[in-house]
Each structure stands twice: as structure tokens, then as C-alpha cells.
Amino acid sequence: IDHIVIKTPYEELQNLPAWLTDNFVLTPGGRHAYRLTKNKMIIFADGNYLELIAFIDEVPSIKGDHWWRDHGYSIVYWAFITPNHDDL
């Protein structure tokens, strides 16, 4: 696994609980293309990560255009990679 994307409420993304911030390495995050979503990542020692992602409250009129808009707050995507792409 390379990373797992977990959809979270925007307010929770902005104010992550202490059990996360005190025990894991987190990135400050940023906005994605089209500025629909914002993220923060929990980085693990091997380079894998959990991506916490939320729709940005300031753009509610375009939330409906995102492909996982109807998903609840849960895992919405994951990616796999191999160290050597010749193995594929």
C-alpha cells in the first residue's frame, strides 16, 4: 500500500484530536486541484501514509461535482505501488 484516503468532516480536519497530533507525524496539508478539498497526511516511517481529506466549507456549491461526494466519512480511495515498476 502506498496510501489510504479517509474522508473526514472539514472542522475535524482543521482541529485534529490530540491522540493523533501527539502520536503521529502529520503534514500541514494543503488544497487540491479545483480547491474543492483540503488534506493532511499521517506519515509512517516507511513512506506510506494516511491522507485525511475534507471538502472545504467555503465552496459548497461545487461539492456535487466530486466523484466521491456521496461517500460517508470513511475510506474513499487507496493506492498501491511497487518499488520496481518492471515487476508489473
Protein backbone atom coordinates (compact mmCIF):
# COMPACT_ATOMS: atom_id res chain seq x y z
CA ILE A 1 0.00 0.00 0.00
CA ASP A 2 1.20 3.50 -0.79
CA HIS A 3 -1.59 5.46 0.85
CA ILE A 4 -5.18 5.36 2.02
CA VAL A 5 -7.54 8.35 1.71
CA ILE A 6 -10.03 8.89 4.52
CA LYS A 7 -12.83 11.45 4.10
CA THR A 8 -13.38 13.50 7.24
CA PRO A 9 -15.53 16.47 8.21
CA TYR A 10 -13.80 19.78 7.44
CA GLU A 11 -14.00 21.05 11.03
CA GLU A 12 -12.36 17.85 12.33
CA LEU A 13 -9.58 18.13 9.75
CA GLN A 14 -8.88 21.66 10.96
CA ASN A 15 -8.82 20.56 14.63
CA LEU A 16 -7.37 17.07 14.77
CA PRO A 17 -7.59 15.35 18.15
CA ALA A 18 -4.56 15.23 20.44
CA TRP A 19 -4.31 11.44 20.21
CA LEU A 20 -3.37 11.94 16.52
CA THR A 21 -1.19 15.04 16.82
CA ASP A 22 0.67 13.72 19.87
CA ASN A 23 1.41 10.24 18.49
CA PHE A 24 1.96 10.60 14.74
CA VAL A 25 3.93 12.68 12.26
CA LEU A 26 1.46 14.93 10.41
CA THR A 27 1.95 17.25 7.46
CA PRO A 28 0.30 20.67 7.47
CA GLY A 29 -1.57 19.67 4.30
CA GLY A 30 -2.94 21.79 1.52
CA ARG A 31 -5.67 22.21 -1.08
CA HIS A 32 -6.20 20.01 -4.11
CA ALA A 33 -6.93 20.94 -7.72
CA TYR A 34 -10.08 23.00 -8.18
CA ARG A 35 -9.75 23.90 -4.49
CA LEU A 36 -12.62 21.55 -3.55
CA THR A 37 -10.77 19.68 -0.83
CA LYS A 38 -8.05 20.12 1.76
CA ASN A 39 -5.87 17.42 3.26
CA LYS A 40 -3.39 16.49 5.97
CA MET A 41 -1.29 13.35 5.97
CA ILE A 42 -0.23 10.97 8.72
CA ILE A 43 3.23 9.85 7.58
CA PHE A 44 4.72 6.48 8.56
CA ALA A 45 8.43 5.62 8.73
CA ASP A 46 8.31 3.54 5.54
CA GLY A 47 6.88 6.43 3.49
CA ASN A 48 3.31 5.14 3.41
CA TYR A 49 0.64 7.48 4.68
CA LEU A 50 -2.97 8.03 5.58
CA GLU A 51 -4.45 11.03 3.83
CA LEU A 52 -7.18 12.79 5.76
CA ILE A 53 -9.30 14.78 3.32
CA ALA A 54 -12.34 17.05 3.61
CA PHE A 55 -14.45 19.22 1.36
CA ILE A 56 -13.75 22.90 2.03
CA ASP A 57 -16.73 24.65 3.57
CA GLU A 58 -16.23 27.81 1.50
CA VAL A 59 -17.19 26.06 -1.75
CA PRO A 60 -20.42 24.16 -1.02
CA SER A 61 -21.92 24.93 -4.43
CA ILE A 62 -19.40 22.72 -6.24
CA LYS A 63 -19.22 19.78 -3.83
CA GLY A 64 -21.67 17.86 -6.00
CA ASP A 65 -19.16 17.63 -8.84
CA HIS A 66 -16.67 15.45 -6.96
CA TRP A 67 -16.67 11.70 -7.73
CA TRP A 68 -16.91 10.59 -4.08
CA ARG A 69 -19.26 13.31 -2.85
CA ASP A 70 -21.88 10.78 -1.74
CA HIS A 71 -19.47 8.67 0.32
CA GLY A 72 -19.77 8.96 4.07
CA TYR A 73 -16.86 9.73 6.34
CA SER A 74 -14.72 6.68 5.72
CA ILE A 75 -12.04 5.28 3.41
CA VAL A 76 -12.78 6.63 -0.06
CA TYR A 77 -9.64 5.66 -2.00
CA TRP A 78 -6.37 3.74 -1.77
CA ALA A 79 -3.29 3.30 -3.92
CA PHE A 80 -0.75 0.53 -4.34
CA ILE A 81 2.78 0.87 -5.68
CA THR A 82 5.74 -1.42 -6.18
CA PRO A 83 9.36 -0.39 -5.68
CA ASN A 84 10.22 -1.63 -9.18
CA HIS A 85 7.69 -0.84 -11.90
CA ASP A 86 9.28 -3.54 -14.09
CA ASP A 87 7.58 -6.05 -11.76
CA LEU A 88 4.12 -5.05 -13.00
